[in-house]
């Protein structure tokens, strides 16, 4: 009897199709994917759009901890026993998100090496970003933090120079990311524009020269 060859597992196909434990949903701008303090029972994957991850304090103060785009996972805390969501995930623009149940996610991570490698790369990248954000908050001024945030939103360092930021991002959201006030963000944005570091042409464009703010030594 001929030996049956197991089909090659394709992570992209897995994340592109709806099947056991996997569903896809469309979210309008402002729609909540999951809310803080609700049960954590699945992992999510952004197929298209932009997702904001934010934490709110008991007093209602909000901090944006991540802005995620197509090809990124979120909600993975359930895999390490997190019973409740620690943050709220909201669609910033019209988005399409795949939900993978915890049991299905654990199954594919244990049985498919290629998917495990893909997910591990995501976790390492996310961990590195968290460490950089912590150092940024501890040692850099709000002006530098804003400059770094704009460069990250423009995908600086990926595929050439910065890309236009087509997703509408309010100064209030930028303030929540940076950890400062909206008037301070407004002041620095005007300063960056006057210096030619950023321009507005129907959308925000960030120029490579903005990197000089991040690299500048504080007096």
N, C-alpha and C. Protein backbone atom coordinates (compact mmCIF):
# COMPACT_ATOMS: atom_id res chain seq x y z
N UNK A 1 0.85 -1.20 0.00
CA UNK A 1 0.00 0.00 0.00
C UNK A 1 0.88 1.25 0.00
N UNK A 2 0.57 2.20 -0.88
CA UNK A 2 1.36 3.42 -0.98
C UNK A 2 1.15 4.29 0.26
N UNK A 3 2.24 4.87 0.68
CA UNK A 3 2.17 5.73 1.87
C UNK A 3 1.53 7.06 1.51
N UNK A 4 0.56 7.49 2.31
CA UNK A 4 -0.12 8.75 2.07
C UNK A 4 0.78 9.91 2.49
N UNK A 5 0.96 10.86 1.58
CA UNK A 5 1.78 12.03 1.87
C UNK A 5 0.92 13.12 2.48
N UNK A 6 1.37 13.62 3.60
CA UNK A 6 0.61 14.67 4.27
C UNK A 6 0.76 15.98 3.50
N UNK A 7 -0.35 16.70 3.25
CA UNK A 7 -0.27 17.97 2.54
C UNK A 7 0.61 18.97 3.27
N UNK A 8 1.34 19.79 2.50
CA UNK A 8 2.19 20.81 3.09
C UNK A 8 1.33 21.90 3.72
N UNK A 9 1.65 22.26 4.95
CA UNK A 9 0.87 23.28 5.64
C UNK A 9 1.29 24.66 5.16
N UNK A 10 0.32 25.50 4.83
CA UNK A 10 0.58 26.85 4.35
C UNK A 10 -0.01 27.85 5.35
N UNK A 11 0.84 28.55 6.14
CA UNK A 11 0.33 29.50 7.13
C UNK A 11 -0.56 30.58 6.52
N UNK A 12 -0.19 31.05 5.32
CA UNK A 12 -0.98 32.10 4.67
C UNK A 12 -2.37 31.59 4.31
N UNK A 13 -2.44 30.35 3.85
CA UNK A 13 -3.74 29.77 3.51
C UNK A 13 -4.57 29.57 4.78
N UNK A 14 -3.91 29.16 5.86
CA UNK A 14 -4.60 28.97 7.13
C UNK A 14 -5.24 30.27 7.60
N UNK A 15 -4.52 31.39 7.44
CA UNK A 15 -5.00 32.68 7.90
C UNK A 15 -5.92 33.37 6.89
N UNK A 16 -6.08 32.72 5.74
CA UNK A 16 -6.94 33.31 4.70
C UNK A 16 -8.27 32.60 4.57
N UNK A 17 -8.42 31.46 5.24
CA UNK A 17 -9.64 30.67 5.08
C UNK A 17 -10.40 30.50 6.39
N UNK A 18 -11.70 30.42 6.28
CA UNK A 18 -12.56 30.16 7.44
C UNK A 18 -12.79 28.66 7.55
N UNK A 19 -12.56 28.12 8.73
CA UNK A 19 -12.73 26.69 8.94
C UNK A 19 -12.92 26.46 10.43
N UNK A 20 -12.58 25.26 10.89
CA UNK A 20 -12.75 24.91 12.30
C UNK A 20 -12.04 25.90 13.22
N UNK A 21 -12.80 26.56 14.07
CA UNK A 21 -12.20 27.47 15.05
C UNK A 21 -11.77 28.80 14.49
N UNK A 22 -12.07 29.06 13.21
CA UNK A 22 -11.62 30.30 12.59
C UNK A 22 -12.81 31.00 11.93
N UNK A 23 -12.99 32.27 12.27
CA UNK A 23 -14.05 33.07 11.66
C UNK A 23 -13.48 34.42 11.28
N UNK A 24 -14.12 35.06 10.33
CA UNK A 24 -13.69 36.39 9.88
C UNK A 24 -14.86 37.36 10.03
N UNK A 25 -14.56 38.55 10.52
CA UNK A 25 -15.60 39.57 10.69
C UNK A 25 -15.09 40.91 10.20
N UNK A 26 -16.02 41.71 9.68
CA UNK A 26 -15.71 43.07 9.24
C UNK A 26 -16.11 44.05 10.34
N UNK A 27 -15.29 45.06 10.55
CA UNK A 27 -15.55 46.05 11.59
C UNK A 27 -15.53 47.46 10.98
N UNK A 28 -16.54 48.23 11.29
CA UNK A 28 -16.56 49.62 10.86
C UNK A 28 -15.63 50.45 11.74
N UNK A 29 -15.31 51.64 11.26
CA UNK A 29 -14.48 52.55 12.05
C UNK A 29 -15.13 52.79 13.41
N UNK A 30 -14.35 52.59 14.47
CA UNK A 30 -14.83 52.80 15.83
C UNK A 30 -15.45 51.58 16.48
N UNK A 31 -15.62 50.50 15.71
CA UNK A 31 -16.21 49.29 16.27
C UNK A 31 -15.22 48.58 17.19
N UNK A 32 -15.74 48.00 18.27
CA UNK A 32 -14.89 47.30 19.25
C UNK A 32 -14.77 45.83 18.86
N UNK A 33 -13.54 45.36 18.73
CA UNK A 33 -13.28 43.94 18.45
C UNK A 33 -13.43 43.16 19.75
N UNK A 34 -12.84 43.63 20.81
CA UNK A 34 -13.08 43.09 22.15
C UNK A 34 -12.82 44.21 23.16
N UNK A 35 -13.45 44.09 24.31
CA UNK A 35 -13.35 45.13 25.33
C UNK A 35 -12.51 44.67 26.52
N UNK A 36 -11.90 45.64 27.16
CA UNK A 36 -11.11 45.37 28.37
C UNK A 36 -11.98 44.70 29.42
N UNK A 37 -11.41 43.69 30.09
CA UNK A 37 -12.06 42.96 31.18
C UNK A 37 -13.08 41.92 30.70
N UNK A 38 -13.18 41.69 29.39
CA UNK A 38 -14.04 40.62 28.89
C UNK A 38 -13.21 39.34 28.76
N UNK A 39 -13.86 38.16 28.71
CA UNK A 39 -13.11 36.90 28.64
C UNK A 39 -12.13 36.84 27.47
N UNK A 40 -10.94 36.35 27.76
CA UNK A 40 -9.90 36.18 26.73
C UNK A 40 -9.92 34.72 26.27
N UNK A 41 -10.49 34.47 25.11
CA UNK A 41 -10.66 33.10 24.65
C UNK A 41 -10.22 32.87 23.21
N UNK A 42 -9.52 33.84 22.62
CA UNK A 42 -9.13 33.69 21.22
C UNK A 42 -8.02 34.66 20.86
N UNK A 43 -7.38 34.37 19.73
CA UNK A 43 -6.33 35.23 19.17
C UNK A 43 -6.89 35.83 17.88
N UNK A 44 -6.49 37.05 17.57
CA UNK A 44 -6.99 37.73 16.38
C UNK A 44 -5.85 38.04 15.41
N UNK A 45 -6.22 38.11 14.14
CA UNK A 45 -5.24 38.39 13.08
C UNK A 45 -5.84 39.45 12.15
N UNK A 46 -5.11 40.52 11.93
CA UNK A 46 -5.60 41.61 11.08
C UNK A 46 -5.40 41.25 9.62
N UNK A 47 -6.49 41.06 8.89
CA UNK A 47 -6.41 40.78 7.46
C UNK A 47 -6.28 42.07 6.66
N UNK A 48 -7.01 43.08 7.08
CA UNK A 48 -6.84 44.41 6.48
C UNK A 48 -7.39 45.46 7.45
N UNK A 49 -6.89 46.69 7.31
CA UNK A 49 -7.35 47.75 8.18
C UNK A 49 -6.33 48.12 9.23
N UNK A 50 -6.79 48.75 10.30
CA UNK A 50 -5.94 49.24 11.38
C UNK A 50 -6.67 49.07 12.70
N UNK A 51 -6.00 48.48 13.69
CA UNK A 51 -6.60 48.21 14.99
C UNK A 51 -5.82 48.96 16.08
N UNK A 52 -6.57 49.63 16.95
CA UNK A 52 -5.95 50.34 18.09
C UNK A 52 -6.15 49.51 19.35
N UNK A 53 -5.06 49.32 20.10
CA UNK A 53 -5.12 48.63 21.38
C UNK A 53 -4.90 49.68 22.47
N UNK A 54 -5.89 49.82 23.36
CA UNK A 54 -5.81 50.86 24.39
C UNK A 54 -6.23 50.31 25.75
N UNK A 55 -5.60 50.85 26.79
CA UNK A 55 -5.90 50.47 28.17
C UNK A 55 -6.52 51.66 28.88
N UNK A 56 -7.58 51.43 29.64
CA UNK A 56 -8.23 52.49 30.40
C UNK A 56 -8.07 52.23 31.90
N UNK A 57 -7.79 53.29 32.65
CA UNK A 57 -7.67 53.17 34.10
C UNK A 57 -9.06 53.22 34.72
N UNK A 58 -9.13 52.97 36.03
CA UNK A 58 -10.41 53.03 36.74
C UNK A 58 -11.02 54.43 36.70
N UNK A 59 -10.16 55.43 36.52
CA UNK A 59 -10.63 56.81 36.47
C UNK A 59 -10.99 57.24 35.04
N UNK A 60 -10.84 56.32 34.09
CA UNK A 60 -11.22 56.63 32.73
C UNK A 60 -10.11 57.16 31.84
N UNK A 61 -8.90 57.30 32.38
CA UNK A 61 -7.79 57.77 31.57
C UNK A 61 -7.34 56.65 30.64
N UNK A 62 -7.12 56.99 29.37
CA UNK A 62 -6.79 55.97 28.37
C UNK A 62 -5.37 56.15 27.84
N UNK A 63 -4.71 55.03 27.60
CA UNK A 63 -3.38 55.04 26.99
C UNK A 63 -3.38 54.06 25.82
N UNK A 64 -2.94 54.53 24.67
CA UNK A 64 -2.83 53.67 23.49
C UNK A 64 -1.50 52.94 23.55
N UNK A 65 -1.54 51.62 23.52
CA UNK A 65 -0.30 50.85 23.66
C UNK A 65 0.15 50.23 22.34
N UNK A 66 -0.72 50.22 21.33
CA UNK A 66 -0.31 49.66 20.04
C UNK A 66 -1.28 50.06 18.95
N UNK A 67 -0.75 50.26 17.75
CA UNK A 67 -1.54 50.44 16.54
C UNK A 67 -1.09 49.34 15.59
N UNK A 68 -2.01 48.46 15.20
CA UNK A 68 -1.65 47.27 14.44
C UNK A 68 -2.28 47.31 13.05
N UNK A 69 -1.52 46.80 12.08
CA UNK A 69 -2.01 46.77 10.70
C UNK A 69 -2.09 45.36 10.17
N UNK A 70 -2.36 45.25 8.87
CA UNK A 70 -2.51 43.95 8.22
C UNK A 70 -1.29 43.06 8.45
N UNK A 71 -1.56 41.79 8.76
CA UNK A 71 -0.49 40.83 8.97
C UNK A 71 -0.03 40.71 10.40
N UNK A 72 -0.71 41.40 11.34
CA UNK A 72 -0.29 41.36 12.74
C UNK A 72 -1.34 40.65 13.60
N UNK A 73 -0.87 39.98 14.64
CA UNK A 73 -1.73 39.29 15.60
C UNK A 73 -1.98 40.19 16.81
N UNK A 74 -3.06 39.93 17.52
CA UNK A 74 -3.29 40.56 18.81
C UNK A 74 -4.21 39.68 19.64
N UNK A 75 -4.25 39.93 20.94
CA UNK A 75 -5.07 39.11 21.83
C UNK A 75 -4.43 37.80 22.22
N UNK A 76 -3.11 37.69 22.02
CA UNK A 76 -2.44 36.42 22.28
C UNK A 76 -2.25 36.11 23.75
N UNK A 77 -2.62 37.03 24.64
CA UNK A 77 -2.47 36.80 26.07
C UNK A 77 -3.25 35.59 26.57
N UNK A 78 -4.32 35.22 25.84
CA UNK A 78 -5.12 34.06 26.27
C UNK A 78 -4.31 32.77 26.23
N UNK A 79 -3.24 32.74 25.44
CA UNK A 79 -2.45 31.52 25.30
C UNK A 79 -1.58 31.24 26.52
N UNK A 80 -1.40 32.25 27.37
CA UNK A 80 -0.59 32.05 28.57
C UNK A 80 -1.46 32.12 29.83
N UNK A 81 -2.75 31.84 29.66
CA UNK A 81 -3.63 31.75 30.81
C UNK A 81 -4.29 33.05 31.23
N UNK A 82 -4.17 34.09 30.41
CA UNK A 82 -4.82 35.37 30.74
C UNK A 82 -6.33 35.17 30.68
N UNK A 83 -7.05 35.27 31.79
CA UNK A 83 -8.50 35.00 31.77
C UNK A 83 -9.33 36.13 31.17
N UNK A 84 -8.87 37.39 31.38
CA UNK A 84 -9.62 38.55 30.90
C UNK A 84 -8.73 39.44 30.04
N UNK A 85 -9.35 40.15 29.13
CA UNK A 85 -8.60 41.08 28.28
C UNK A 85 -8.06 42.24 29.12
N UNK A 86 -6.81 42.59 28.90
CA UNK A 86 -6.19 43.68 29.64
C UNK A 86 -6.36 45.01 28.92
N UNK A 87 -6.88 44.97 27.68
CA UNK A 87 -7.03 46.19 26.90
C UNK A 87 -8.25 46.07 26.00
N UNK A 88 -8.59 47.16 25.33
CA UNK A 88 -9.69 47.18 24.37
C UNK A 88 -9.12 47.32 22.96
N UNK A 89 -9.62 46.52 22.04
CA UNK A 89 -9.19 46.58 20.64
C UNK A 89 -10.31 47.21 19.81
N UNK A 90 -9.96 48.28 19.09
CA UNK A 90 -10.95 49.03 18.33
C UNK A 90 -10.46 49.25 16.90
N UNK A 91 -11.36 49.16 15.94
CA UNK A 91 -11.02 49.41 14.54
C UNK A 91 -10.88 50.91 14.31
N UNK A 92 -9.73 51.34 13.77
CA UNK A 92 -9.52 52.76 13.50
C UNK A 92 -10.12 53.15 12.15
N UNK A 93 -10.17 52.20 11.24
CA UNK A 93 -10.79 52.37 9.94
C UNK A 93 -11.55 51.07 9.64
N UNK A 94 -12.23 51.00 8.52
CA UNK A 94 -12.90 49.75 8.17
C UNK A 94 -11.86 48.63 8.11
N UNK A 95 -12.11 47.57 8.85
CA UNK A 95 -11.10 46.52 8.99
C UNK A 95 -11.74 45.14 8.86
N UNK A 96 -10.89 44.17 8.55
CA UNK A 96 -11.32 42.78 8.48
C UNK A 96 -10.38 41.97 9.35
N UNK A 97 -10.96 41.25 10.31
CA UNK A 97 -10.16 40.55 11.32
C UNK A 97 -10.57 39.09 11.42
N UNK A 98 -9.58 38.21 11.49
CA UNK A 98 -9.86 36.79 11.71
C UNK A 98 -9.74 36.48 13.20
N UNK A 99 -10.70 35.73 13.70
CA UNK A 99 -10.67 35.26 15.08
C UNK A 99 -10.32 33.78 15.07
N UNK A 100 -9.28 33.40 15.81
CA UNK A 100 -8.87 32.00 15.93
C UNK A 100 -9.08 31.59 17.39
N UNK A 101 -9.96 30.64 17.62
CA UNK A 101 -10.23 30.17 18.97
C UNK A 101 -8.98 29.66 19.66
N UNK A 102 -8.95 29.78 20.98
CA UNK A 102 -7.77 29.38 21.75
C UNK A 102 -7.38 27.92 21.49
N UNK A 103 -8.36 27.01 21.47
CA UNK A 103 -8.07 25.59 21.26
C UNK A 103 -7.47 25.36 19.88
N UNK A 104 -8.02 26.00 18.85
CA UNK A 104 -7.50 25.84 17.49
C UNK A 104 -6.11 26.45 17.37
N UNK A 105 -5.89 27.58 18.03
CA UNK A 105 -4.57 28.23 17.98
C UNK A 105 -3.53 27.33 18.64
N UNK A 106 -3.86 26.75 19.78
CA UNK A 106 -2.92 25.85 20.46
C UNK A 106 -2.64 24.62 19.60
N UNK A 107 -3.67 24.10 18.94
CA UNK A 107 -3.51 22.91 18.10
C UNK A 107 -2.52 23.16 16.96
N UNK A 108 -2.72 24.27 16.26
CA UNK A 108 -1.87 24.52 15.09
C UNK A 108 -0.45 24.91 15.51
N UNK A 109 -0.31 25.56 16.66
CA UNK A 109 1.03 25.90 17.14
C UNK A 109 1.82 24.64 17.50
N UNK A 110 1.12 23.63 18.04
CA UNK A 110 1.78 22.40 18.44
C UNK A 110 2.05 21.45 17.27
N UNK A 111 1.21 21.53 16.24
CA UNK A 111 1.32 20.55 15.16
C UNK A 111 1.99 21.07 13.89
N UNK A 112 2.07 22.38 13.74
CA UNK A 112 2.61 22.94 12.49
C UNK A 112 3.81 23.84 12.77
N UNK A 113 5.00 23.35 12.45
CA UNK A 113 6.24 24.08 12.73
C UNK A 113 6.29 25.42 12.00
N UNK A 114 5.86 25.45 10.74
CA UNK A 114 5.95 26.68 9.97
C UNK A 114 5.08 27.79 10.58
N UNK A 115 3.91 27.40 11.08
CA UNK A 115 3.05 28.40 11.71
C UNK A 115 3.65 28.86 13.03
N UNK A 116 4.24 27.90 13.77
CA UNK A 116 4.88 28.25 15.03
C UNK A 116 6.01 29.24 14.82
N UNK A 117 6.78 29.07 13.74
CA UNK A 117 7.87 29.99 13.44
C UNK A 117 7.33 31.37 13.10
N UNK A 118 6.24 31.41 12.34
CA UNK A 118 5.62 32.69 11.98
C UNK A 118 5.14 33.42 13.23
N UNK A 119 4.48 32.69 14.11
CA UNK A 119 3.93 33.31 15.31
C UNK A 119 5.05 33.72 16.27
N UNK A 120 6.10 32.93 16.35
CA UNK A 120 7.23 33.27 17.22
C UNK A 120 7.91 34.55 16.74
N UNK A 121 8.03 34.70 15.42
CA UNK A 121 8.62 35.93 14.87
C UNK A 121 7.78 37.14 15.28
N UNK A 122 6.46 36.96 15.25
CA UNK A 122 5.56 38.04 15.68
C UNK A 122 5.79 38.39 17.14
N UNK A 123 5.89 37.37 18.01
CA UNK A 123 6.06 37.61 19.44
C UNK A 123 7.39 38.31 19.73
N UNK A 124 8.45 37.90 19.04
CA UNK A 124 9.76 38.51 19.25
C UNK A 124 9.76 39.96 18.80
N UNK A 125 9.12 40.22 17.67
CA UNK A 125 9.03 41.60 17.18
C UNK A 125 8.23 42.46 18.15
N UNK A 126 7.10 41.92 18.63
CA UNK A 126 6.26 42.66 19.57
C UNK A 126 7.02 42.94 20.87
N UNK A 127 7.76 41.94 21.38
CA UNK A 127 8.51 42.10 22.61
C UNK A 127 9.58 43.18 22.46
N UNK A 128 10.25 43.16 21.31
CA UNK A 128 11.27 44.17 21.05
C UNK A 128 10.67 45.56 21.02
N UNK A 129 9.48 45.69 20.41
CA UNK A 129 8.80 46.99 20.34
C UNK A 129 8.41 47.47 21.73
N UNK A 130 7.94 46.55 22.58
CA UNK A 130 7.55 46.92 23.95
C UNK A 130 8.76 47.44 24.73
N UNK A 131 9.92 46.78 24.57
CA UNK A 131 11.13 47.22 25.26
C UNK A 131 11.55 48.60 24.78
N UNK A 132 11.47 48.82 23.45
CA UNK A 132 11.83 50.12 22.91
C UNK A 132 10.88 51.21 23.41
N UNK A 133 9.58 50.88 23.51
CA UNK A 133 8.60 51.84 23.99
C UNK A 133 8.88 52.22 25.45
N UNK A 134 9.28 51.21 26.25
CA UNK A 134 9.56 51.45 27.67
C UNK A 134 10.76 52.38 27.81
N UNK A 135 11.82 52.11 27.06
CA UNK A 135 13.01 52.97 27.10
C UNK A 135 12.65 54.38 26.65
N UNK A 136 11.81 54.46 25.61
CA UNK A 136 11.37 55.74 25.08
C UNK A 136 10.65 56.56 26.16
N UNK A 137 9.73 55.90 26.89
CA UNK A 137 8.96 56.59 27.93
C UNK A 137 9.85 57.02 29.10
N UNK A 138 10.85 56.20 29.44
CA UNK A 138 11.68 56.47 30.59
C UNK A 138 12.72 57.56 30.36
N UNK A 139 13.27 57.62 29.15
CA UNK A 139 14.44 58.46 28.94
C UNK A 139 14.29 59.59 27.91
N UNK A 140 13.25 59.54 27.10
CA UNK A 140 13.13 60.54 26.05
C UNK A 140 12.06 61.57 26.33
N UNK A 141 12.24 62.76 25.77
CA UNK A 141 11.26 63.83 25.91
C UNK A 141 10.02 63.51 25.08
N UNK A 142 8.92 64.21 25.36
CA UNK A 142 7.70 63.98 24.60
C UNK A 142 7.89 64.33 23.13
N UNK A 143 8.75 65.29 22.83
CA UNK A 143 9.01 65.65 21.43
C UNK A 143 9.67 64.48 20.69
N UNK A 144 10.66 63.86 21.33
CA UNK A 144 11.32 62.70 20.73
C UNK A 144 10.36 61.52 20.60
N UNK A 145 9.52 61.33 21.61
CA UNK A 145 8.58 60.21 21.56
C UNK A 145 7.58 60.39 20.42
N UNK A 146 7.13 61.63 20.21
CA UNK A 146 6.22 61.90 19.10
C UNK A 146 6.90 61.66 17.76
N UNK A 147 8.14 62.11 17.63
CA UNK A 147 8.88 61.90 16.38
C UNK A 147 9.04 60.41 16.08
N UNK A 148 9.39 59.65 17.11
CA UNK A 148 9.56 58.20 16.93
C UNK A 148 8.24 57.55 16.55
N UNK A 149 7.14 57.97 17.20
CA UNK A 149 5.83 57.42 16.89
C UNK A 149 5.45 57.68 15.43
N UNK A 150 5.68 58.89 14.96
CA UNK A 150 5.36 59.22 13.57
C UNK A 150 6.18 58.40 12.59
N UNK A 151 7.46 58.20 12.90
CA UNK A 151 8.32 57.38 12.04
C UNK A 151 7.85 55.93 12.00
N UNK A 152 7.43 55.41 13.15
CA UNK A 152 6.92 54.04 13.21
C UNK A 152 5.62 53.92 12.42
N UNK A 153 4.73 54.89 12.55
CA UNK A 153 3.47 54.86 11.81
C UNK A 153 3.70 54.93 10.30
N UNK A 154 4.80 55.59 9.91
CA UNK A 154 5.13 55.70 8.49
C UNK A 154 5.98 54.54 8.00
N UNK A 155 6.17 53.53 8.87
CA UNK A 155 6.97 52.34 8.51
C UNK A 155 8.38 52.71 8.09
N UNK A 156 8.97 53.67 8.78
CA UNK A 156 10.34 54.08 8.47
C UNK A 156 11.29 52.90 8.63
N UNK A 157 12.15 52.71 7.65
CA UNK A 157 13.12 51.61 7.68
C UNK A 157 12.65 50.36 6.97
N UNK A 158 11.37 50.35 6.53
CA UNK A 158 10.84 49.20 5.81
C UNK A 158 10.58 49.58 4.35
N UNK A 159 11.15 48.85 3.44
CA UNK A 159 10.92 49.07 2.01
C UNK A 159 11.22 50.51 1.61
N UNK A 160 12.41 50.97 1.97
CA UNK A 160 12.80 52.31 1.56
C UNK A 160 12.45 53.36 2.59
N UNK A 161 12.11 54.56 2.09
CA UNK A 161 11.82 55.68 2.96
C UNK A 161 10.45 55.58 3.59
N UNK A 162 10.11 56.58 4.43
CA UNK A 162 8.80 56.57 5.10
C UNK A 162 7.65 56.57 4.10
N UNK A 163 6.56 55.90 4.45
CA UNK A 163 5.37 55.85 3.61
C UNK A 163 4.33 56.80 4.14
N UNK A 164 3.46 57.35 3.27
CA UNK A 164 2.41 58.25 3.75
C UNK A 164 1.53 57.57 4.79
N UNK A 165 1.13 58.31 5.81
CA UNK A 165 0.23 57.79 6.84
C UNK A 165 -1.19 58.06 6.37
N UNK A 166 -1.82 57.05 5.76
CA UNK A 166 -3.14 57.24 5.18
C UNK A 166 -4.27 57.04 6.18
N UNK A 167 -3.98 56.36 7.30
CA UNK A 167 -5.00 56.18 8.33
C UNK A 167 -5.15 57.45 9.14
N UNK A 168 -6.35 58.02 9.21
CA UNK A 168 -6.55 59.24 10.00
C UNK A 168 -6.23 58.99 11.48
N UNK A 169 -5.32 59.78 12.02
CA UNK A 169 -4.95 59.63 13.43
C UNK A 169 -5.04 61.01 14.08
N UNK A 170 -5.90 61.14 15.06
CA UNK A 170 -6.11 62.43 15.70
C UNK A 170 -4.94 62.77 16.62
N UNK A 171 -4.82 64.06 16.91
CA UNK A 171 -3.79 64.50 17.84
C UNK A 171 -4.04 63.95 19.24
N UNK A 172 -5.31 63.73 19.56
CA UNK A 172 -5.64 63.13 20.85
C UNK A 172 -5.10 61.71 20.95
N UNK A 173 -5.24 60.94 19.86
CA UNK A 173 -4.70 59.58 19.85
C UNK A 173 -3.19 59.60 19.94
N UNK A 174 -2.55 60.52 19.21
CA UNK A 174 -1.09 60.63 19.29
C UNK A 174 -0.66 60.97 20.72
N UNK A 175 -1.42 61.83 21.38
CA UNK A 175 -1.10 62.19 22.76
C UNK A 175 -1.20 60.98 23.68
N UNK A 176 -2.20 60.12 23.44
CA UNK A 176 -2.37 58.91 24.25
C UNK A 176 -1.23 57.93 24.02
N UNK A 177 -0.72 57.88 22.80
CA UNK A 177 0.40 57.00 22.50
C UNK A 177 1.68 57.52 23.14
N UNK A 178 1.92 58.80 23.00
CA UNK A 178 3.16 59.42 23.47
C UNK A 178 3.18 59.58 24.98
N UNK A 179 2.00 59.77 25.57
CA UNK A 179 1.94 59.99 27.01
C UNK A 179 2.10 61.45 27.36
N UNK A 180 1.43 62.32 26.60
CA UNK A 180 1.48 63.75 26.85
C UNK A 180 0.10 64.33 26.58
N UNK A 181 0.01 65.66 26.48
CA UNK A 181 -1.28 66.30 26.26
C UNK A 181 -1.47 66.64 24.78
N UNK A 182 -2.73 66.83 24.39
CA UNK A 182 -3.00 67.18 22.99
C UNK A 182 -2.39 68.53 22.60
N UNK A 183 -2.44 69.57 23.48
CA UNK A 183 -1.79 70.83 23.12
C UNK A 183 -0.29 70.68 22.85
N UNK A 184 0.38 69.80 23.62
CA UNK A 184 1.81 69.58 23.39
C UNK A 184 2.05 68.92 22.04
N UNK A 185 1.19 67.95 21.71
CA UNK A 185 1.30 67.30 20.41
C UNK A 185 1.08 68.33 19.30
N UNK A 186 0.07 69.19 19.45
CA UNK A 186 -0.21 70.22 18.46
C UNK A 186 0.99 71.13 18.27
N UNK A 187 1.61 71.52 19.38
CA UNK A 187 2.80 72.39 19.33
C UNK A 187 3.94 71.74 18.55
N UNK A 188 4.22 70.47 18.85
CA UNK A 188 5.33 69.79 18.18
C UNK A 188 5.00 69.50 16.71
N UNK A 189 3.75 69.16 16.42
CA UNK A 189 3.37 68.91 15.02
C UNK A 189 3.55 70.16 14.18
N UNK A 190 3.17 71.32 14.72
CA UNK A 190 3.37 72.59 14.01
C UNK A 190 4.86 72.88 13.83
N UNK A 191 5.63 72.57 14.85
CA UNK A 191 7.08 72.77 14.78
C UNK A 191 7.69 71.87 13.70
N UNK A 192 7.30 70.59 13.68
CA UNK A 192 7.81 69.66 12.68
C UNK A 192 7.44 70.11 11.26
N UNK A 193 6.22 70.63 11.12
CA UNK A 193 5.77 71.08 9.80
C UNK A 193 6.58 72.28 9.33
N UNK A 194 6.80 73.25 10.23
CA UNK A 194 7.56 74.44 9.86
C UNK A 194 9.01 74.11 9.50
N UNK A 195 9.56 73.09 10.14
CA UNK A 195 10.94 72.67 9.86
C UNK A 195 11.04 71.76 8.64
N UNK A 196 9.89 71.40 8.06
CA UNK A 196 9.90 70.56 6.86
C UNK A 196 10.03 69.08 7.15
N UNK A 197 9.85 68.67 8.43
CA UNK A 197 9.95 67.26 8.79
C UNK A 197 8.70 66.48 8.40
N UNK A 198 7.55 67.16 8.36
CA UNK A 198 6.29 66.54 7.96
C UNK A 198 5.53 67.50 7.05
N UNK A 199 4.64 66.96 6.23
CA UNK A 199 3.79 67.78 5.37
C UNK A 199 2.39 67.18 5.35
N UNK A 200 1.41 68.02 5.02
CA UNK A 200 0.03 67.58 4.90
C UNK A 200 -0.41 67.77 3.44
N UNK A 201 -0.72 66.67 2.77
CA UNK A 201 -1.22 66.72 1.41
C UNK A 201 -2.43 65.79 1.29
N UNK A 202 -3.46 66.09 2.05
CA UNK A 202 -4.61 65.20 2.09
C UNK A 202 -4.39 64.07 3.07
N UNK A 203 -3.14 63.80 3.38
CA UNK A 203 -2.75 62.83 4.41
C UNK A 203 -1.40 63.28 4.95
N UNK A 204 -1.00 62.68 6.05
CA UNK A 204 0.24 63.07 6.70
C UNK A 204 1.42 62.35 6.06
N UNK A 205 2.43 63.13 5.66
CA UNK A 205 3.66 62.56 5.12
C UNK A 205 4.81 62.89 6.06
N UNK A 206 5.55 61.86 6.42
CA UNK A 206 6.70 62.00 7.31
C UNK A 206 7.97 61.86 6.50
N UNK A 207 8.88 62.79 6.67
CA UNK A 207 10.13 62.76 5.92
C UNK A 207 11.27 62.18 6.76
N UNK A 208 12.25 61.63 6.09
CA UNK A 208 13.37 61.00 6.79
C UNK A 208 14.10 61.97 7.71
N UNK A 209 14.03 63.26 7.40
CA UNK A 209 14.71 64.26 8.21
C UNK A 209 14.19 64.31 9.65
N UNK A 210 12.97 63.78 9.88
CA UNK A 210 12.42 63.76 11.24
C UNK A 210 13.27 62.89 12.16
N UNK A 211 14.03 61.97 11.59
CA UNK A 211 14.90 61.11 12.38
C UNK A 211 15.91 61.93 13.18
N UNK A 212 16.24 63.12 12.70
CA UNK A 212 17.21 63.97 13.41
C UNK A 212 16.71 64.34 14.80
N UNK A 213 15.39 64.43 14.98
CA UNK A 213 14.83 64.74 16.30
C UNK A 213 15.06 63.59 17.25
N UNK A 214 14.90 62.35 16.74
CA UNK A 214 15.08 61.17 17.57
C UNK A 214 16.54 60.98 17.96
N UNK A 215 17.44 61.31 17.04
CA UNK A 215 18.87 61.08 17.28
C UNK A 215 19.55 62.23 18.02
N UNK A 216 18.86 63.35 18.12
CA UNK A 216 19.45 64.53 18.75
C UNK A 216 19.68 64.31 20.24
N UNK A 217 20.85 64.68 20.73
CA UNK A 217 21.15 64.58 22.17
C UNK A 217 20.49 65.74 22.90
N UNK A 218 19.91 65.43 24.05
CA UNK A 218 19.26 66.47 24.85
C UNK A 218 20.34 67.32 25.53
N UNK A 219 20.04 68.60 25.65
CA UNK A 219 20.99 69.49 26.30
C UNK A 219 21.04 69.19 27.80
